[in-house]
C-alpha atoms as a PDB file:
ATOM      1  CA  MET A   1      34.301  34.927  11.005  1.00  0.00           C
ATOM      2  CA  LYS A   2      31.776  37.753  10.746  1.00  0.00           C
ATOM      3  CA  ASN A   3      31.748  37.345   6.962  1.00  0.00           C
ATOM      4  CA  LEU A   4      31.067  33.625   7.302  1.00  0.00           C
ATOM      5  CA  VAL A   5      28.147  34.287   9.662  1.00  0.00           C
ATOM      6  CA  LEU A   6      26.777  36.923   7.275  1.00  0.00           C
ATOM      7  CA  VAL A   7      27.030  34.551   4.310  1.00  0.00           C
ATOM      8  CA  LEU A   8      25.296  31.785   6.252  1.00  0.00           C
ATOM      9  CA  CYS A   9      22.489  34.132   7.337  1.00  0.00           C
ATOM     10  CA  LEU A  10      21.968  35.388   3.786  1.00  0.00           C
ATOM     11  CA  ASP A  11      21.992  31.810   2.513  1.00  0.00           C
ATOM     12  CA  LEU A  12      19.339  30.809   5.040  1.00  0.00           C
ATOM     13  CA  LEU A  13      17.202  33.823   4.178  1.00  0.00           C
ATOM     14  CA  GLY A  14      17.506  33.062   0.470  1.00  0.00           C
ATOM     15  CA  GLY A  15      16.490  29.456   1.088  1.00  0.00           C
ATOM     16  CA  ALA A  16      13.469  30.618   3.061  1.00  0.00           C
ATOM     17  CA  ALA A  17      12.484  32.948   0.229  1.00  0.00           C
ATOM     18  CA  LEU A  18      12.867  30.124  -2.278  1.00  0.00           C
ATOM     19  CA  ALA A  19      10.727  27.796  -0.155  1.00  0.00           C
ATOM     20  CA  GLN A  20       8.143  30.563   0.201  1.00  0.00           C
ATOM     21  CA  GLY A  21       8.148  31.038  -3.588  1.00  0.00           C
ATOM     22  CA  GLN A  22       7.555  27.315  -4.104  1.00  0.00           C
ATOM     23  CA  GLY A  23       4.762  27.389  -1.532  1.00  0.00           C
ATOM     24  CA  ASP A  24       3.192  30.368  -3.296  1.00  0.00           C
ATOM     25  CA  ALA A  25       3.325  28.559  -6.644  1.00  0.00           C
ATOM     26  CA  ARG A  26       1.709  25.475  -5.132  1.00  0.00           C
ATOM     27  CA  GLN A  27      -1.019  27.637  -3.582  1.00  0.00           C
ATOM     28  CA  ARG A  28      -1.663  29.289  -6.972  1.00  0.00           C
ATOM     29  CA  GLY A  29      -1.739  25.838  -8.557  1.00  0.00           C
ATOM     30  CA  GLN A  30      -4.288  24.622  -6.038  1.00  0.00           C
ATOM     31  CA  GLU A  31      -6.436  27.689  -6.721  1.00  0.00           C
ATOM     32  CA  VAL A  32      -6.284  27.072 -10.491  1.00  0.00           C
ATOM     33  CA  PHE A  33      -7.076  23.401  -9.918  1.00  0.00           C
ATOM     34  CA  GLU A  34     -10.060  24.103  -7.672  1.00  0.00           C
ATOM     35  CA  ALA A  35     -11.453  26.693 -10.100  1.00  0.00           C
ATOM     36  CA  ASN A  36     -10.992  24.658 -13.294  1.00  0.00           C
ATOM     37  CA  CYS A  37     -10.193  20.993 -12.728  1.00  0.00           C
ATOM     38  CA  ALA A  38     -11.772  19.810  -9.482  1.00  0.00           C
ATOM     39  CA  GLN A  39     -15.256  19.532 -10.962  1.00  0.00           C
ATOM     40  CA  CYS A  40     -14.121  16.536 -12.960  1.00  0.00           C
ATOM     41  CA  HIS A  41     -10.989  15.277 -11.213  1.00  0.00           C
ATOM     42  CA  ARG A  42     -12.368  16.033  -7.696  1.00  0.00           C
ATOM     43  CA  SER A  43     -10.607  17.996  -4.976  1.00  0.00           C
ATOM     44  CA  ASN A  44      -9.092  14.776  -3.641  1.00  0.00           C
ATOM     45  CA  GLY A  45      -7.592  13.914  -7.054  1.00  0.00           C
ATOM     46  CA  GLU A  46      -9.543  10.661  -7.225  1.00  0.00           C
ATOM     47  CA  GLY A  47     -11.681  11.586 -10.260  1.00  0.00           C
ATOM     48  CA  LEU A  48     -14.898   9.718 -10.931  1.00  0.00           C
ATOM     49  CA  PRO A  49     -14.407   6.048 -11.862  1.00  0.00           C
ATOM     50  CA  ASP A  50     -15.194   5.304 -15.515  1.00  0.00           C
ATOM     51  CA  ILE A  51     -15.914   9.000 -16.167  1.00  0.00           C
ATOM     52  CA  PHE A  52     -12.945  11.211 -15.196  1.00  0.00           C
ATOM     53  CA  PRO A  53      -9.496   9.745 -14.455  1.00  0.00           C
ATOM     54  CA  ALA A  54      -7.862  10.010 -11.070  1.00  0.00           C
ATOM     55  CA  LEU A  55      -4.790  12.238 -10.896  1.00  0.00           C
ATOM     56  CA  ASN A  56      -3.606  10.923  -7.552  1.00  0.00           C
ATOM     57  CA  ASN A  57      -1.013   8.179  -7.985  1.00  0.00           C
ATOM     58  CA  ASN A  58      -1.495   8.306 -11.776  1.00  0.00           C
ATOM     59  CA  PRO A  59       1.622   7.157 -13.702  1.00  0.00           C
ATOM     60  CA  PHE A  60       0.876   9.660 -16.496  1.00  0.00           C
ATOM     61  CA  VAL A  61       0.864  12.572 -14.014  1.00  0.00           C
ATOM     62  CA  LEU A  62       3.992  11.286 -12.242  1.00  0.00           C
ATOM     63  CA  GLY A  63       5.975  10.602 -15.419  1.00  0.00           C
ATOM     64  CA  ASP A  64       7.517  12.974 -17.930  1.00  0.00           C
ATOM     65  CA  PRO A  65       5.948  16.396 -17.289  1.00  0.00           C
ATOM     66  CA  LYS A  66       5.865  17.427 -20.978  1.00  0.00           C
ATOM     67  CA  PRO A  67       2.841  15.264 -21.900  1.00  0.00           C
ATOM     68  CA  VAL A  68       1.044  16.461 -18.758  1.00  0.00           C
ATOM     69  CA  ILE A  69       1.653  20.096 -19.710  1.00  0.00           C
ATOM     70  CA  ALA A  70       0.512  19.338 -23.261  1.00  0.00           C
ATOM     71  CA  ALA A  71      -2.666  17.681 -21.954  1.00  0.00           C
ATOM     72  CA  VAL A  72      -3.521  20.736 -19.842  1.00  0.00           C
ATOM     73  CA  LEU A  73      -2.821  23.125 -22.717  1.00  0.00           C
ATOM     74  CA  ASN A  74      -4.285  21.162 -25.642  1.00  0.00           C
ATOM     75  CA  GLY A  75      -6.725  18.771 -24.031  1.00  0.00           C
ATOM     76  CA  LEU A  76      -6.640  15.021 -24.254  1.00  0.00           C
ATOM     77  CA  LYS A  77      -8.800  12.326 -25.802  1.00  0.00           C
ATOM     78  CA  GLY A  78      -8.827   8.944 -24.141  1.00  0.00           C
ATOM     79  CA  ASN A  79     -10.898   5.889 -23.328  1.00  0.00           C
ATOM     80  CA  LEU A  80     -13.112   7.884 -20.978  1.00  0.00           C
ATOM     81  CA  GLY A  81     -13.776  10.783 -23.367  1.00  0.00           C
ATOM     82  CA  ALA A  82     -12.129  14.136 -23.905  1.00  0.00           C
ATOM     83  CA  MET A  83     -10.611  16.764 -21.631  1.00  0.00           C
ATOM     84  CA  PRO A  84     -10.759  20.328 -22.962  1.00  0.00           C
ATOM     85  CA  GLY A  85      -7.604  22.305 -23.587  1.00  0.00           C
ATOM     86  CA  TRP A  86      -6.886  25.289 -21.371  1.00  0.00           C
ATOM     87  CA  LYS A  87      -4.267  27.138 -23.444  1.00  0.00           C
ATOM     88  CA  ASP A  88      -6.639  30.026 -24.142  1.00  0.00           C
ATOM     89  CA  ARG A  89      -7.596  30.387 -20.474  1.00  0.00           C
ATOM     90  CA  LEU A  90      -4.373  29.701 -18.559  1.00  0.00           C
ATOM     91  CA  ASP A  91      -1.095  31.556 -19.019  1.00  0.00           C
ATOM     92  CA  ASP A  92       2.281  29.846 -18.658  1.00  0.00           C
ATOM     93  CA  GLU A  93       2.573  30.664 -14.937  1.00  0.00           C
ATOM     94  CA  GLN A  94      -0.905  29.262 -14.212  1.00  0.00           C
ATOM     95  CA  THR A  95      -0.219  26.181 -16.328  1.00  0.00           C
ATOM     96  CA  ALA A  96       3.069  25.505 -14.546  1.00  0.00           C
ATOM     97  CA  ALA A  97       1.453  26.071 -11.157  1.00  0.00           C
ATOM     98  CA  VAL A  98      -1.467  23.707 -11.766  1.00  0.00           C
ATOM     99  CA  VAL A  99       0.724  20.990 -13.279  1.00  0.00           C
ATOM    100  CA  THR A 100       3.134  21.323 -10.354  1.00  0.00           C
ATOM    101  CA  TYR A 101       0.197  21.123  -7.974  1.00  0.00           C
ATOM    102  CA  ILE A 102      -1.215  17.897  -9.447  1.00  0.00           C
ATOM    103  CA  ARG A 103       2.283  16.371  -9.560  1.00  0.00           C
ATOM    104  CA  GLN A 104       2.810  17.155  -5.847  1.00  0.00           C
ATOM    105  CA  ALA A 105      -0.666  17.014  -4.281  1.00  0.00           C
ATOM    106  CA  TRP A 106      -2.261  14.124  -2.404  1.00  0.00           C
ATOM    107  CA  SER A 107       0.219  11.203  -2.463  1.00  0.00           C
ATOM    108  CA  ASN A 108       2.008  12.434  -5.629  1.00  0.00           C
ATOM    109  CA  ARG A 109       5.681  13.338  -5.332  1.00  0.00           C
ATOM    110  CA  ALA A 110       7.006  14.443  -8.733  1.00  0.00           C
ATOM    111  CA  ALA A 111       9.210  17.327  -9.775  1.00  0.00           C
ATOM    112  CA  ALA A 112       7.870  20.841 -10.157  1.00  0.00           C
ATOM    113  CA  VAL A 113       7.178  22.403 -13.552  1.00  0.00           C
ATOM    114  CA  THR A 114       8.324  25.873 -14.605  1.00  0.00           C
ATOM    115  CA  ALA A 115       6.621  28.537 -16.665  1.00  0.00           C
ATOM    116  CA  ALA A 116       9.462  28.158 -19.192  1.00  0.00           C
ATOM    117  CA  MET A 117       8.541  24.476 -19.612  1.00  0.00           C
ATOM    118  CA  ALA A 118       4.903  25.442 -20.156  1.00  0.00           C
ATOM    119  CA  ALA A 119       5.913  28.104 -22.697  1.00  0.00           C
ATOM    120  CA  ALA A 120       8.115  25.639 -24.600  1.00  0.00           C
ATOM    121  CA  THR A 121       5.285  23.094 -24.730  1.00  0.00           C
ATOM    122  CA  ARG A 122       2.770  25.762 -25.771  1.00  0.00           C
ATOM    123  CA  THR A 123       4.845  26.690 -28.832  1.00  0.00           C
ATOM    124  CA  LYS A 124       5.128  23.100 -30.095  1.00  0.00           C
END
């Protein structure tokens, strides 16, 4: 019985650490976003109509994360103009954090992105 209680306590502590780690990554992502992206996409994720696209409730942001990572790293040209690439300014951890942030901020509810996913996209 004591072993079962110990296992349950360790499991709960590990889950708390994991949740804290996810919260830390989201906080880092928000910091990267505010420092680099919010000027155009706005802190509320709504962008500026006909100038910079909204990220909140955007199907591109909520879809497959690989094109989103690629857009952050390499930039993107679209109907509204061009977004610069950030691969020379953001490392894989920062890229994963900011992409996770925009996929989970505001009303967005999409899966998190890992640094390994950012690294794999960077090398393509």
